[in-house]
C-alpha atoms as a PDB file:
ATOM      1  CA  MET A   1      -0.197   0.091   0.077  1.00  0.00           C
ATOM      2  CA  ARG A   2       2.754   2.324   0.807  1.00  0.00           C
ATOM      3  CA  VAL A   3       4.325   1.782  -2.681  1.00  0.00           C
ATOM      4  CA  VAL A   4       1.167   2.570  -4.377  1.00  0.00           C
ATOM      5  CA  HIS A   5       0.324   5.456  -2.111  1.00  0.00           C
ATOM      6  CA  GLY A   6       3.904   6.813  -3.237  1.00  0.00           C
ATOM      7  CA  LEU A   7       3.038   6.346  -7.084  1.00  0.00           C
ATOM      8  CA  VAL A   8      -0.123   8.020  -6.987  1.00  0.00           C
ATOM      9  CA  ARG A   9       1.290  11.028  -5.156  1.00  0.00           C
ATOM     10  CA  HIS A  10       4.209  11.149  -7.641  1.00  0.00           C
ATOM     11  CA  GLU A  11       1.686  11.191 -10.450  1.00  0.00           C
ATOM     12  CA  ALA A  12      -0.295  13.816  -8.940  1.00  0.00           C
ATOM     13  CA  ARG A  13       2.621  15.932  -8.508  1.00  0.00           C
ATOM     14  CA  LEU A  14       3.487  15.484 -12.169  1.00  0.00           C
ATOM     15  CA  PHE A  15       0.013  16.667 -13.551  1.00  0.00           C
ATOM     16  CA  VAL A  16       0.059  19.681 -10.955  1.00  0.00           C
ATOM     17  CA  SER A  17       3.504  20.565 -12.269  1.00  0.00           C
ATOM     18  CA  LEU A  18       2.049  20.396 -15.755  1.00  0.00           C
ATOM     19  CA  GLY A  19      -0.559  22.834 -14.912  1.00  0.00           C
ATOM     20  CA  LEU A  20       1.949  25.264 -13.250  1.00  0.00           C
ATOM     21  CA  TRP A  21       4.162  24.831 -16.213  1.00  0.00           C
ATOM     22  CA  LEU A  22       1.030  26.056 -18.717  1.00  0.00           C
ATOM     23  CA  ALA A  23       0.364  28.748 -16.387  1.00  0.00           C
ATOM     24  CA  ARG A  24       4.210  29.950 -16.177  1.00  0.00           C
ATOM     25  CA  ARG A  25       4.368  29.599 -12.595  1.00  0.00           C
ATOM     26  CA  THR A  26       6.844  27.773 -10.169  1.00  0.00           C
ATOM     27  CA  HIS A  27       6.362  25.823  -6.942  1.00  0.00           C
ATOM     28  CA  GLY A  28       8.007  26.523  -3.523  1.00  0.00           C
ATOM     29  CA  THR A  29      10.114  29.520  -4.793  1.00  0.00           C
ATOM     30  CA  ALA A  30       8.688  32.034  -2.525  1.00  0.00           C
ATOM     31  CA  GLY A  31      11.143  33.730  -0.266  1.00  0.00           C
ATOM     32  CA  GLY A  32      14.174  32.294  -2.017  1.00  0.00           C
ATOM     33  CA  ARG A  33      16.202  32.386  -5.084  1.00  0.00           C
ATOM     34  CA  ALA A  34      15.586  29.775  -7.766  1.00  0.00           C
ATOM     35  CA  PHE A  35      18.209  27.948  -9.809  1.00  0.00           C
ATOM     36  CA  GLY A  36      17.004  25.838 -12.850  1.00  0.00           C
ATOM     37  CA  TYR A  37      18.444  22.619 -13.904  1.00  0.00           C
ATOM     38  CA  ALA A  38      15.959  21.196 -16.661  1.00  0.00           C
ATOM     39  CA  ARG A  39      17.408  22.875 -19.535  1.00  0.00           C
ATOM     40  CA  GLY A  40      19.828  20.013 -20.152  1.00  0.00           C
ATOM     41  CA  GLN A  41      17.289  17.136 -20.560  1.00  0.00           C
ATOM     42  CA  GLY A  42      14.567  18.959 -22.569  1.00  0.00           C
ATOM     43  CA  SER A  43      15.550  17.723 -25.811  1.00  0.00           C
ATOM     44  CA  THR A  44      15.771  14.143 -24.608  1.00  0.00           C
ATOM     45  CA  LEU A  45      12.259  14.224 -23.173  1.00  0.00           C
ATOM     46  CA  PHE A  46      10.706  15.915 -26.045  1.00  0.00           C
ATOM     47  CA  GLY A  47      12.386  13.438 -28.358  1.00  0.00           C
ATOM     48  CA  LEU A  48      10.664  10.831 -26.155  1.00  0.00           C
ATOM     49  CA  GLY A  49       7.480  12.608 -26.536  1.00  0.00           C
ATOM     50  CA  PHE A  50       7.872  12.685 -30.373  1.00  0.00           C
ATOM     51  CA  VAL A  51       8.427   9.027 -30.467  1.00  0.00           C
ATOM     52  CA  CYS A  52       5.101   8.505 -28.392  1.00  0.00           C
ATOM     53  CA  VAL A  53       3.243  10.721 -30.984  1.00  0.00           C
ATOM     54  CA  VAL A  54       4.592   8.729 -33.803  1.00  0.00           C
ATOM     55  CA  GLU A  55       3.849   5.222 -31.980  1.00  0.00           C
ATOM     56  CA  SER A  56       0.311   6.617 -31.513  1.00  0.00           C
ATOM     57  CA  PHE A  57      -0.324   7.472 -35.142  1.00  0.00           C
ATOM     58  CA  THR A  58       1.125   4.093 -36.223  1.00  0.00           C
ATOM     59  CA  MET A  59      -1.288   2.200 -33.916  1.00  0.00           C
ATOM     60  CA  SER A  60      -4.202   4.164 -34.830  1.00  0.00           C
ATOM     61  CA  VAL A  61      -3.504   2.891 -38.550  1.00  0.00           C
ATOM     62  CA  LEU A  62      -2.884  -0.636 -37.388  1.00  0.00           C
ATOM     63  CA  LEU A  63      -6.004  -0.732 -35.191  1.00  0.00           C
ATOM     64  CA  ARG A  64      -8.437   1.217 -37.571  1.00  0.00           C
ATOM     65  CA  ASP A  65     -10.531  -2.120 -37.974  1.00  0.00           C
ATOM     66  CA  TRP A  66     -10.834  -2.687 -34.186  1.00  0.00           C
ATOM     67  CA  PRO A  67     -12.296   0.740 -32.901  1.00  0.00           C
ATOM     68  CA  THR A  68     -12.648  -0.644 -29.128  1.00  0.00           C
ATOM     69  CA  ALA A  69      -8.848  -1.584 -29.180  1.00  0.00           C
ATOM     70  CA  HIS A  70      -8.045   1.471 -30.901  1.00  0.00           C
ATOM     71  CA  ARG A  71      -9.823   3.800 -28.291  1.00  0.00           C
ATOM     72  CA  VAL A  72      -7.953   1.926 -25.464  1.00  0.00           C
ATOM     73  CA  VAL A  73      -4.579   2.185 -26.951  1.00  0.00           C
ATOM     74  CA  LEU A  74      -5.160   5.834 -27.765  1.00  0.00           C
ATOM     75  CA  LEU A  75      -5.919   6.614 -24.113  1.00  0.00           C
ATOM     76  CA  LEU A  76      -2.730   4.839 -22.931  1.00  0.00           C
ATOM     77  CA  ASP A  77      -0.807   6.662 -25.747  1.00  0.00           C
ATOM     78  CA  VAL A  78      -2.199  10.094 -24.588  1.00  0.00           C
ATOM     79  CA  TYR A  79      -1.478   9.447 -20.796  1.00  0.00           C
ATOM     80  CA  THR A  80       2.126   8.406 -21.787  1.00  0.00           C
ATOM     81  CA  LEU A  81       2.609  11.549 -23.725  1.00  0.00           C
ATOM     82  CA  LEU A  82       1.172  13.749 -20.797  1.00  0.00           C
ATOM     83  CA  PHE A  83       3.417  11.626 -18.194  1.00  0.00           C
ATOM     84  CA  VAL A  84       6.595  12.414 -20.474  1.00  0.00           C
ATOM     85  CA  VAL A  85       5.789  15.975 -20.655  1.00  0.00           C
ATOM     86  CA  GLY A  86       4.720  15.987 -17.030  1.00  0.00           C
ATOM     87  CA  LEU A  87       8.355  14.885 -16.231  1.00  0.00           C
ATOM     88  CA  HIS A  88       9.776  17.769 -17.754  1.00  0.00           C
ATOM     89  CA  ALA A  89       7.415  20.145 -16.500  1.00  0.00           C
ATOM     90  CA  ALA A  90       8.043  19.133 -12.939  1.00  0.00           C
ATOM     91  CA  CYS A  91      11.823  19.765 -13.320  1.00  0.00           C
ATOM     92  CA  VAL A  92      11.083  23.136 -14.790  1.00  0.00           C
ATOM     93  CA  VAL A  93       8.580  24.513 -12.098  1.00  0.00           C
ATOM     94  CA  ARG A  94      10.361  22.666  -9.245  1.00  0.00           C
ATOM     95  CA  PRO A  95      13.930  24.342  -9.328  1.00  0.00           C
ATOM     96  CA  HIS A  96      16.561  24.287  -6.603  1.00  0.00           C
ATOM     97  CA  VAL A  97      15.703  27.212  -4.205  1.00  0.00           C
ATOM     98  CA  LEU A  98      18.256  29.044  -1.934  1.00  0.00           C
ATOM     99  CA  THR A  99      16.818  30.807   0.996  1.00  0.00           C
ATOM    100  CA  PRO A 100      18.625  32.480   3.966  1.00  0.00           C
ATOM    101  CA  ASP A 101      18.752  29.222   5.991  1.00  0.00           C
ATOM    102  CA  ALA A 102      18.671  26.401   3.621  1.00  0.00           C
ATOM    103  CA  LEU A 103      19.138  25.045   0.193  1.00  0.00           C
ATOM    104  CA  ARG A 104      16.318  23.221  -1.143  1.00  0.00           C
ATOM    105  CA  VAL A 105      17.574  20.562  -3.733  1.00  0.00           C
ATOM    106  CA  ARG A 106      15.043  18.942  -5.987  1.00  0.00           C
ATOM    107  CA  TYR A 107      14.614  16.808  -9.046  1.00  0.00           C
ATOM    108  CA  GLY A 108      11.174  17.084 -10.565  1.00  0.00           C
ATOM    109  CA  ALA A 109       8.498  15.658  -8.269  1.00  0.00           C
ATOM    110  CA  HIS A 110      10.728  12.818  -7.349  1.00  0.00           C
ATOM    111  CA  VAL A 111      13.246  14.338  -4.972  1.00  0.00           C
ATOM    112  CA  ASP A 112      12.769  17.340  -2.594  1.00  0.00           C
ATOM    113  CA  LEU A 113      15.448  17.614   0.101  1.00  0.00           C
ATOM    114  CA  ARG A 114      16.139  20.554   2.264  1.00  0.00           C
ATOM    115  CA  ILE A 115      19.557  20.984   3.472  1.00  0.00           C
ATOM    116  CA  PRO A 116      20.174  23.617   6.132  1.00  0.00           C
ATOM    117  CA  LEU A 117      23.169  25.870   5.360  1.00  0.00           C
ATOM    118  CA  ALA A 118      24.720  25.262   8.604  1.00  0.00           C
ATOM    119  CA  VAL A 119      25.370  21.580   8.075  1.00  0.00           C
ATOM    120  CA  ILE A 120      27.036  22.307   4.308  1.00  0.00           C
ATOM    121  CA  GLY A 121      30.748  21.813   5.146  1.00  0.00           C
ATOM    122  CA  ALA A 122      31.863  22.376   1.685  1.00  0.00           C
ATOM    123  CA  VAL A 123      30.480  23.150  -1.823  1.00  0.00           C
ATOM    124  CA  ARG A 124      32.352  22.968  -4.906  1.00  0.00           C
ATOM    125  CA  ARG A 125      32.071  23.167  -8.689  1.00  0.00           C
ATOM    126  CA  GLU A 126      32.662  19.729  -9.925  1.00  0.00           C
ATOM    127  CA  THR A 127      31.383  18.333 -13.386  1.00  0.00           C
ATOM    128  CA  ARG A 128      30.835  14.515 -13.083  1.00  0.00           C
ATOM    129  CA  THR A 129      29.318  12.277 -15.930  1.00  0.00           C
ATOM    130  CA  THR A 130      29.858   8.963 -14.248  1.00  0.00           C
ATOM    131  CA  HIS A 131      28.069   8.182 -10.790  1.00  0.00           C
ATOM    132  CA  GLU A 132      28.188   5.036  -8.994  1.00  0.00           C
ATOM    133  CA  ARG A 133      25.888   4.271  -6.137  1.00  0.00           C
ATOM    134  CA  ALA A 134      27.523   4.575  -2.927  1.00  0.00           C
ATOM    135  CA  ALA A 135      26.152   4.514   0.600  1.00  0.00           C
ATOM    136  CA  GLY A 136      25.662   8.097   2.275  1.00  0.00           C
ATOM    137  CA  GLU A 137      25.755   9.873  -1.231  1.00  0.00           C
ATOM    138  CA  LEU A 138      22.800  11.235  -3.405  1.00  0.00           C
ATOM    139  CA  ASP A 139      23.403  11.795  -6.988  1.00  0.00           C
ATOM    140  CA  LEU A 140      20.793  13.869  -9.032  1.00  0.00           C
ATOM    141  CA  PRO A 141      22.405  14.053 -12.547  1.00  0.00           C
ATOM    142  CA  VAL A 142      20.689  15.775 -15.407  1.00  0.00           C
ATOM    143  CA  ALA A 143      21.551  14.214 -18.961  1.00  0.00           C
ATOM    144  CA  SER A 144      23.940  12.123 -16.907  1.00  0.00           C
ATOM    145  CA  ARG A 145      25.788  15.074 -15.374  1.00  0.00           C
ATOM    146  CA  THR A 146      26.214  16.812 -12.138  1.00  0.00           C
ATOM    147  CA  THR A 147      28.064  19.910 -11.776  1.00  0.00           C
ATOM    148  CA  LEU A 148      28.029  20.979  -8.098  1.00  0.00           C
ATOM    149  CA  THR A 149      29.195  18.716  -4.947  1.00  0.00           C
ATOM    150  CA  LEU A 150      28.126  19.422  -1.432  1.00  0.00           C
ATOM    151  CA  GLU A 151      29.844  17.800   1.392  1.00  0.00           C
ATOM    152  CA  LEU A 152      27.616  17.893   4.732  1.00  0.00           C
ATOM    153  CA  THR A 153      28.934  17.838   8.225  1.00  0.00           C
ATOM    154  CA  VAL A 154      25.641  16.115   9.408  1.00  0.00           C
ATOM    155  CA  PRO A 155      23.894  13.724   7.076  1.00  0.00           C
ATOM    156  CA  VAL A 156      20.484  14.601   5.983  1.00  0.00           C
ATOM    157  CA  THR A 157      17.557  12.327   5.634  1.00  0.00           C
ATOM    158  CA  ARG A 158      15.167  12.083   2.604  1.00  0.00           C
ATOM    159  CA  THR A 159      12.197   9.890   2.015  1.00  0.00           C
ATOM    160  CA  THR A 160      12.242   8.042  -1.172  1.00  0.00           C
ATOM    161  CA  LEU A 161       9.392   7.587  -3.869  1.00  0.00           C
ATOM    162  CA  PHE A 162       8.401   4.309  -2.224  1.00  0.00           C
ATOM    163  CA  GLY A 163       8.568   5.705   1.434  1.00  0.00           C
ATOM    164  CA  ARG A 164      12.067   4.574   2.344  1.00  0.00           C
ATOM    165  CA  ARG A 165      14.234   6.589   4.495  1.00  0.00           C
ATOM    166  CA  ARG A 166      17.814   7.387   3.141  1.00  0.00           C
ATOM    167  CA  THR A 167      20.626   9.503   4.526  1.00  0.00           C
ATOM    168  CA  ALA A 168      23.375  11.435   2.625  1.00  0.00           C
ATOM    169  CA  SER A 169      26.443  13.257   3.721  1.00  0.00           C
ATOM    170  CA  VAL A 170      27.331  14.024   0.041  1.00  0.00           C
ATOM    171  CA  VAL A 171      25.018  15.509  -2.384  1.00  0.00           C
ATOM    172  CA  ARG A 172      25.860  15.911  -6.079  1.00  0.00           C
ATOM    173  CA  LEU A 173      23.336  17.989  -8.422  1.00  0.00           C
ATOM    174  CA  HIS A 174      23.131  19.754 -11.630  1.00  0.00           C
ATOM    175  CA  ALA A 175      22.570  23.473 -12.110  1.00  0.00           C
ATOM    176  CA  GLU A 176      22.128  25.378 -15.176  1.00  0.00           C
ATOM    177  CA  ASP A 177      24.560  28.041 -13.972  1.00  0.00           C
ATOM    178  CA  PRO A 178      26.506  26.210 -11.209  1.00  0.00           C
ATOM    179  CA  ASP A 179      29.090  29.095 -10.909  1.00  0.00           C
ATOM    180  CA  ASP A 180      26.209  31.479  -9.822  1.00  0.00           C
ATOM    181  CA  LEU A 181      24.780  28.981  -7.341  1.00  0.00           C
ATOM    182  CA  VAL A 182      28.439  28.428  -5.644  1.00  0.00           C
ATOM    183  CA  ARG A 183      28.697  32.220  -5.417  1.00  0.00           C
ATOM    184  CA  ALA A 184      25.148  32.720  -3.997  1.00  0.00           C
ATOM    185  CA  LEU A 185      25.826  29.773  -1.654  1.00  0.00           C
ATOM    186  CA  THR A 186      28.915  31.324  -0.296  1.00  0.00           C
ATOM    187  CA  ARG A 187      27.526  34.726   0.001  1.00  0.00           C
ATOM    188  CA  VAL A 188      24.378  33.336   2.367  1.00  0.00           C
ATOM    189  CA  ARG A 189      26.699  31.004   4.300  1.00  0.00           C
ATOM    190  CA  THR A 190      29.181  33.771   5.082  1.00  0.00           C
ATOM    191  CA  GLY A 191      26.471  36.598   5.374  1.00  0.00           C
ATOM    192  CA  SER A 192      28.406  38.819   3.256  1.00  0.00           C
ATOM    193  CA  SER A 193      27.560  40.301  -0.131  1.00  0.00           C
ATOM    194  CA  THR A 194      31.039  41.270  -0.734  1.00  0.00           C
ATOM    195  CA  CYS A 195      32.887  37.940  -0.088  1.00  0.00           C
ATOM    196  CA  PRO A 196      35.631  36.900  -2.372  1.00  0.00           C
ATOM    197  CA  ASP A 197      34.612  34.733  -5.409  1.00  0.00           C
ATOM    198  CA  PRO A 198      35.371  31.107  -4.373  1.00  0.00           C
ATOM    199  CA  LEU A 199      36.120  30.253  -8.041  1.00  0.00           C
ATOM    200  CA  GLY A 200      39.039  32.381  -8.138  1.00  0.00           C
END
């Protein structure tokens, strides 16, 4: 039941995100500064959406003599297309958010992790294209790439899609402008708007 509840909640968030995307609104960014990460995967997801459209047209031709089967398959195809677009929409309307006391790290409707600034021991600009699963690490690549690494002094806990609890003391994420995010994080953590540029 917990798994079913997690899946239903995830899909509900996707369709809410689709509505926000069409309305050009964002989710959870009030009181903070948003940092996008979705740009790198847009072409891949829209390519997948195009494949869904082609597949739907092909099946409509093949099933034209079986109207009931055609309607069922068409319904599934439309749902699949909306699901794919919703995946992208969720990443667009749910960006990372930096507030005076925390960094909210997100990935679409799947991951939403609040990291207090007080537990961020180090932040660095680091581009990675390979990620191996390891205990205590959370990787959130976009188009197989992360651009920032956060090292935490105290592990943070998140709840997975299926309701399991996981801790992480290293978080790797992607940002469209990672240098800007590093600078903003450094300014907020030091409480100075004139601190030296950490990127040199």
